[in-house]
Amino acid sequence: MNINKNQNGTALEIALEGRLDTMTAPELEAELNNSLQNADSLVLDFGKLEYISSAGLRVLLSAHKAMSNKGGMKVTNVNEIVREVFEVTGFADILTIE
């Protein structure tokens, strides 16, 4: 998985490419832990994300909780495969998806 980070002031955008699974979730979690302290808003761009597992969902939930007291978090460019995972797990009701 590739993580592309763009910080503009306190607005953080992270674009993911590849698979967010048990092997790659710790990498995203570490990046978020390092970056969220300086961010008031978070946009996760899933335009090139091919797959997400329960480990990836756990990282998203943690980021969502961290950002709920700030400017919030949204997920953009979600493909059908990832959207279906969000719908089946109830994440579609929790996350702001655009």
N, C-alpha and C. Protein backbone atom coordinates (compact mmCIF):
# COMPACT_ATOMS: atom_id res chain seq x y z
N MET A 1 0.84 -1.17 0.00
CA MET A 1 0.00 0.00 0.00
C MET A 1 0.89 1.24 0.00
N ASN A 2 0.49 2.24 -0.76
CA ASN A 2 1.16 3.53 -0.77
C ASN A 2 0.29 4.54 -0.03
N ILE A 3 0.94 5.37 0.76
CA ILE A 3 0.26 6.45 1.49
C ILE A 3 0.83 7.76 1.00
N ASN A 4 -0.04 8.60 0.43
CA ASN A 4 0.38 9.93 -0.02
C ASN A 4 -0.29 10.96 0.86
N LYS A 5 0.54 11.72 1.58
CA LYS A 5 0.04 12.69 2.55
C LYS A 5 0.23 14.10 2.03
N ASN A 6 -0.80 14.92 2.21
CA ASN A 6 -0.72 16.33 1.84
C ASN A 6 -1.33 17.14 2.98
N GLN A 7 -0.52 17.96 3.63
CA GLN A 7 -1.01 18.79 4.73
C GLN A 7 -0.97 20.24 4.29
N ASN A 8 -2.14 20.88 4.36
CA ASN A 8 -2.27 22.29 4.02
C ASN A 8 -2.77 23.00 5.27
N GLY A 9 -1.85 23.57 6.02
CA GLY A 9 -2.22 24.15 7.31
C GLY A 9 -2.67 23.04 8.26
N THR A 10 -3.92 23.14 8.73
CA THR A 10 -4.44 22.10 9.62
C THR A 10 -5.33 21.11 8.89
N ALA A 11 -5.42 21.24 7.55
CA ALA A 11 -6.21 20.30 6.75
C ALA A 11 -5.28 19.21 6.24
N LEU A 12 -5.60 17.97 6.60
CA LEU A 12 -4.77 16.83 6.21
C LEU A 12 -5.54 15.97 5.22
N GLU A 13 -4.88 15.65 4.10
CA GLU A 13 -5.46 14.73 3.12
C GLU A 13 -4.50 13.57 2.94
N ILE A 14 -5.05 12.36 3.04
CA ILE A 14 -4.26 11.16 2.84
C ILE A 14 -4.91 10.34 1.76
N ALA A 15 -4.15 10.05 0.71
CA ALA A 15 -4.63 9.21 -0.39
C ALA A 15 -3.96 7.84 -0.27
N LEU A 16 -4.79 6.81 -0.31
CA LEU A 16 -4.29 5.44 -0.19
C LEU A 16 -4.35 4.75 -1.54
N GLU A 17 -3.36 3.91 -1.78
CA GLU A 17 -3.30 3.16 -3.03
C GLU A 17 -2.94 1.72 -2.70
N GLY A 18 -3.75 0.78 -3.19
CA GLY A 18 -3.47 -0.63 -2.95
C GLY A 18 -4.49 -1.26 -2.02
N ARG A 19 -3.99 -2.05 -1.06
CA ARG A 19 -4.85 -2.80 -0.15
C ARG A 19 -4.61 -2.36 1.29
N LEU A 20 -5.69 -2.09 2.00
CA LEU A 20 -5.62 -1.76 3.43
C LEU A 20 -6.08 -2.99 4.19
N ASP A 21 -5.12 -3.78 4.65
CA ASP A 21 -5.44 -5.06 5.28
C ASP A 21 -4.57 -5.26 6.52
N THR A 22 -4.54 -6.47 7.02
CA THR A 22 -3.81 -6.78 8.25
C THR A 22 -2.33 -6.41 8.14
N MET A 23 -1.77 -6.56 6.97
CA MET A 23 -0.34 -6.28 6.78
C MET A 23 -0.05 -4.78 6.68
N THR A 24 -0.98 -4.01 6.12
CA THR A 24 -0.70 -2.59 5.86
C THR A 24 -1.38 -1.63 6.84
N ALA A 25 -2.38 -2.10 7.58
CA ALA A 25 -3.10 -1.24 8.52
C ALA A 25 -2.17 -0.60 9.55
N PRO A 26 -1.19 -1.33 10.11
CA PRO A 26 -0.30 -0.69 11.08
C PRO A 26 0.47 0.50 10.50
N GLU A 27 0.80 0.44 9.21
CA GLU A 27 1.50 1.55 8.55
C GLU A 27 0.61 2.80 8.51
N LEU A 28 -0.67 2.63 8.15
CA LEU A 28 -1.59 3.76 8.14
C LEU A 28 -1.83 4.26 9.55
N GLU A 29 -1.98 3.36 10.50
CA GLU A 29 -2.21 3.75 11.89
C GLU A 29 -1.05 4.60 12.41
N ALA A 30 0.18 4.20 12.10
CA ALA A 30 1.35 4.97 12.54
C ALA A 30 1.37 6.35 11.90
N GLU A 31 1.04 6.42 10.61
CA GLU A 31 1.01 7.71 9.91
C GLU A 31 -0.05 8.63 10.52
N LEU A 32 -1.22 8.08 10.79
CA LEU A 32 -2.29 8.88 11.40
C LEU A 32 -1.93 9.34 12.80
N ASN A 33 -1.33 8.45 13.59
CA ASN A 33 -0.93 8.82 14.95
C ASN A 33 0.07 9.97 14.93
N ASN A 34 0.95 9.99 13.93
CA ASN A 34 1.94 11.07 13.83
C ASN A 34 1.35 12.36 13.29
N SER A 35 0.31 12.26 12.47
CA SER A 35 -0.19 13.43 11.74
C SER A 35 -1.43 14.08 12.33
N LEU A 36 -2.26 13.33 13.05
CA LEU A 36 -3.55 13.88 13.48
C LEU A 36 -3.43 14.95 14.56
N GLN A 37 -2.33 14.98 15.31
CA GLN A 37 -2.19 16.00 16.35
C GLN A 37 -2.21 17.41 15.75
N ASN A 38 -1.69 17.54 14.53
CA ASN A 38 -1.59 18.85 13.89
C ASN A 38 -2.71 19.11 12.89
N ALA A 39 -3.74 18.27 12.89
CA ALA A 39 -4.81 18.39 11.89
C ALA A 39 -6.15 18.70 12.56
N ASP A 40 -6.90 19.59 11.94
CA ASP A 40 -8.26 19.89 12.39
C ASP A 40 -9.30 19.22 11.49
N SER A 41 -8.87 18.80 10.30
CA SER A 41 -9.78 18.06 9.42
C SER A 41 -8.98 17.00 8.68
N LEU A 42 -9.66 15.91 8.33
CA LEU A 42 -9.00 14.79 7.66
C LEU A 42 -9.86 14.35 6.49
N VAL A 43 -9.24 14.24 5.33
CA VAL A 43 -9.87 13.67 4.14
C VAL A 43 -9.05 12.45 3.74
N LEU A 44 -9.73 11.31 3.64
CA LEU A 44 -9.10 10.09 3.16
C LEU A 44 -9.59 9.84 1.74
N ASP A 45 -8.68 9.87 0.79
CA ASP A 45 -9.01 9.65 -0.62
C ASP A 45 -8.78 8.18 -0.95
N PHE A 46 -9.87 7.48 -1.23
CA PHE A 46 -9.80 6.05 -1.52
C PHE A 46 -9.90 5.75 -3.01
N GLY A 47 -9.61 6.74 -3.86
CA GLY A 47 -9.72 6.57 -5.29
C GLY A 47 -8.91 5.41 -5.85
N LYS A 48 -7.79 5.09 -5.22
CA LYS A 48 -6.94 4.00 -5.70
C LYS A 48 -6.85 2.86 -4.69
N LEU A 49 -7.75 2.87 -3.70
CA LEU A 49 -7.78 1.77 -2.72
C LEU A 49 -8.58 0.62 -3.30
N GLU A 50 -7.97 -0.54 -3.36
CA GLU A 50 -8.60 -1.71 -3.99
C GLU A 50 -9.40 -2.56 -3.02
N TYR A 51 -9.01 -2.56 -1.74
CA TYR A 51 -9.59 -3.50 -0.78
C TYR A 51 -9.39 -2.97 0.63
N ILE A 52 -10.33 -3.26 1.52
CA ILE A 52 -10.18 -2.92 2.93
C ILE A 52 -10.65 -4.10 3.77
N SER A 53 -9.88 -4.45 4.78
CA SER A 53 -10.23 -5.56 5.68
C SER A 53 -10.69 -5.00 7.02
N SER A 54 -11.01 -5.90 7.94
CA SER A 54 -11.45 -5.48 9.27
C SER A 54 -10.34 -4.71 9.99
N ALA A 55 -9.09 -5.05 9.72
CA ALA A 55 -7.97 -4.31 10.34
C ALA A 55 -7.97 -2.87 9.85
N GLY A 56 -8.26 -2.67 8.58
CA GLY A 56 -8.35 -1.32 8.02
C GLY A 56 -9.53 -0.57 8.60
N LEU A 57 -10.64 -1.26 8.78
CA LEU A 57 -11.83 -0.63 9.37
C LEU A 57 -11.55 -0.15 10.78
N ARG A 58 -10.79 -0.93 11.53
CA ARG A 58 -10.45 -0.55 12.89
C ARG A 58 -9.64 0.75 12.90
N VAL A 59 -8.70 0.90 11.97
CA VAL A 59 -7.90 2.12 11.88
C VAL A 59 -8.80 3.31 11.52
N LEU A 60 -9.75 3.10 10.60
CA LEU A 60 -10.68 4.17 10.23
C LEU A 60 -11.53 4.59 11.41
N LEU A 61 -12.01 3.63 12.18
CA LEU A 61 -12.84 3.95 13.34
C LEU A 61 -12.04 4.75 14.37
N SER A 62 -10.81 4.38 14.58
CA SER A 62 -9.95 5.10 15.52
C SER A 62 -9.72 6.54 15.04
N ALA A 63 -9.47 6.72 13.75
CA ALA A 63 -9.26 8.06 13.19
C ALA A 63 -10.55 8.87 13.29
N HIS A 64 -11.68 8.23 13.03
CA HIS A 64 -12.98 8.90 13.11
C HIS A 64 -13.21 9.42 14.53
N LYS A 65 -12.91 8.60 15.52
CA LYS A 65 -13.08 9.02 16.92
C LYS A 65 -12.14 10.17 17.26
N ALA A 66 -10.90 10.10 16.79
CA ALA A 66 -9.93 11.16 17.07
C ALA A 66 -10.36 12.48 16.44
N MET A 67 -10.97 12.42 15.27
CA MET A 67 -11.33 13.64 14.54
C MET A 67 -12.72 14.14 14.92
N SER A 68 -13.50 13.38 15.65
CA SER A 68 -14.87 13.79 15.98
C SER A 68 -14.90 15.03 16.87
N ASN A 69 -13.86 15.26 17.65
CA ASN A 69 -13.78 16.45 18.50
C ASN A 69 -13.14 17.62 17.79
N LYS A 70 -12.76 17.41 16.55
CA LYS A 70 -12.12 18.47 15.76
C LYS A 70 -13.05 18.80 14.59
N GLY A 71 -12.48 19.02 13.43
CA GLY A 71 -13.25 19.39 12.25
C GLY A 71 -13.88 18.24 11.50
N GLY A 72 -13.63 17.02 11.96
CA GLY A 72 -14.25 15.86 11.34
C GLY A 72 -13.37 15.18 10.31
N MET A 73 -13.91 14.08 9.79
CA MET A 73 -13.21 13.25 8.83
C MET A 73 -14.19 12.86 7.74
N LYS A 74 -13.71 12.85 6.49
CA LYS A 74 -14.55 12.33 5.41
C LYS A 74 -13.72 11.44 4.51
N VAL A 75 -14.42 10.52 3.86
CA VAL A 75 -13.80 9.57 2.95
C VAL A 75 -14.33 9.86 1.56
N THR A 76 -13.43 10.00 0.59
CA THR A 76 -13.84 10.34 -0.77
C THR A 76 -13.41 9.26 -1.77
N ASN A 77 -14.05 9.29 -2.94
CA ASN A 77 -13.70 8.43 -4.08
C ASN A 77 -13.71 6.94 -3.73
N VAL A 78 -14.75 6.50 -3.06
CA VAL A 78 -14.85 5.11 -2.62
C VAL A 78 -15.39 4.25 -3.77
N ASN A 79 -14.68 3.19 -4.11
CA ASN A 79 -15.15 2.31 -5.19
C ASN A 79 -16.23 1.36 -4.67
N GLU A 80 -16.82 0.61 -5.56
CA GLU A 80 -17.95 -0.26 -5.20
C GLU A 80 -17.57 -1.35 -4.21
N ILE A 81 -16.38 -1.91 -4.35
CA ILE A 81 -15.95 -2.99 -3.45
C ILE A 81 -15.84 -2.48 -2.02
N VAL A 82 -15.18 -1.34 -1.84
CA VAL A 82 -15.01 -0.78 -0.50
C VAL A 82 -16.35 -0.26 0.02
N ARG A 83 -17.15 0.34 -0.84
CA ARG A 83 -18.47 0.83 -0.42
C ARG A 83 -19.33 -0.32 0.10
N GLU A 84 -19.26 -1.47 -0.55
CA GLU A 84 -20.04 -2.62 -0.10
C GLU A 84 -19.59 -3.07 1.29
N VAL A 85 -18.28 -3.05 1.54
CA VAL A 85 -17.76 -3.40 2.87
C VAL A 85 -18.30 -2.41 3.90
N PHE A 86 -18.30 -1.11 3.56
CA PHE A 86 -18.83 -0.10 4.47
C PHE A 86 -20.31 -0.33 4.76
N GLU A 87 -21.07 -0.71 3.75
CA GLU A 87 -22.51 -0.91 3.93
C GLU A 87 -22.81 -2.16 4.76
N VAL A 88 -22.10 -3.24 4.49
CA VAL A 88 -22.34 -4.50 5.21
C VAL A 88 -21.96 -4.37 6.68
N THR A 89 -20.90 -3.61 6.96
CA THR A 89 -20.41 -3.49 8.33
C THR A 89 -21.07 -2.36 9.12
N GLY A 90 -21.85 -1.53 8.45
CA GLY A 90 -22.49 -0.40 9.12
C GLY A 90 -21.63 0.86 9.12
N PHE A 91 -20.43 0.78 8.56
CA PHE A 91 -19.56 1.96 8.49
C PHE A 91 -20.15 3.05 7.61
N ALA A 92 -21.01 2.69 6.68
CA ALA A 92 -21.64 3.69 5.81
C ALA A 92 -22.50 4.63 6.63
N ASP A 93 -22.99 4.16 7.78
CA ASP A 93 -23.81 4.99 8.67
C ASP A 93 -22.95 5.83 9.63
N ILE A 94 -21.72 5.43 9.81
CA ILE A 94 -20.83 6.10 10.76
C ILE A 94 -19.99 7.17 10.08
N LEU A 95 -19.42 6.82 8.92
CA LEU A 95 -18.48 7.70 8.23
C LEU A 95 -19.19 8.67 7.30
N THR A 96 -18.56 9.80 7.05
CA THR A 96 -19.02 10.73 6.03
C THR A 96 -18.33 10.34 4.74
N ILE A 97 -19.11 9.84 3.78
CA ILE A 97 -18.57 9.33 2.53
C ILE A 97 -19.05 10.22 1.39
N GLU A 98 -18.12 10.71 0.60
CA GLU A 98 -18.47 11.55 -0.55
C GLU A 98 -17.96 10.93 -1.82
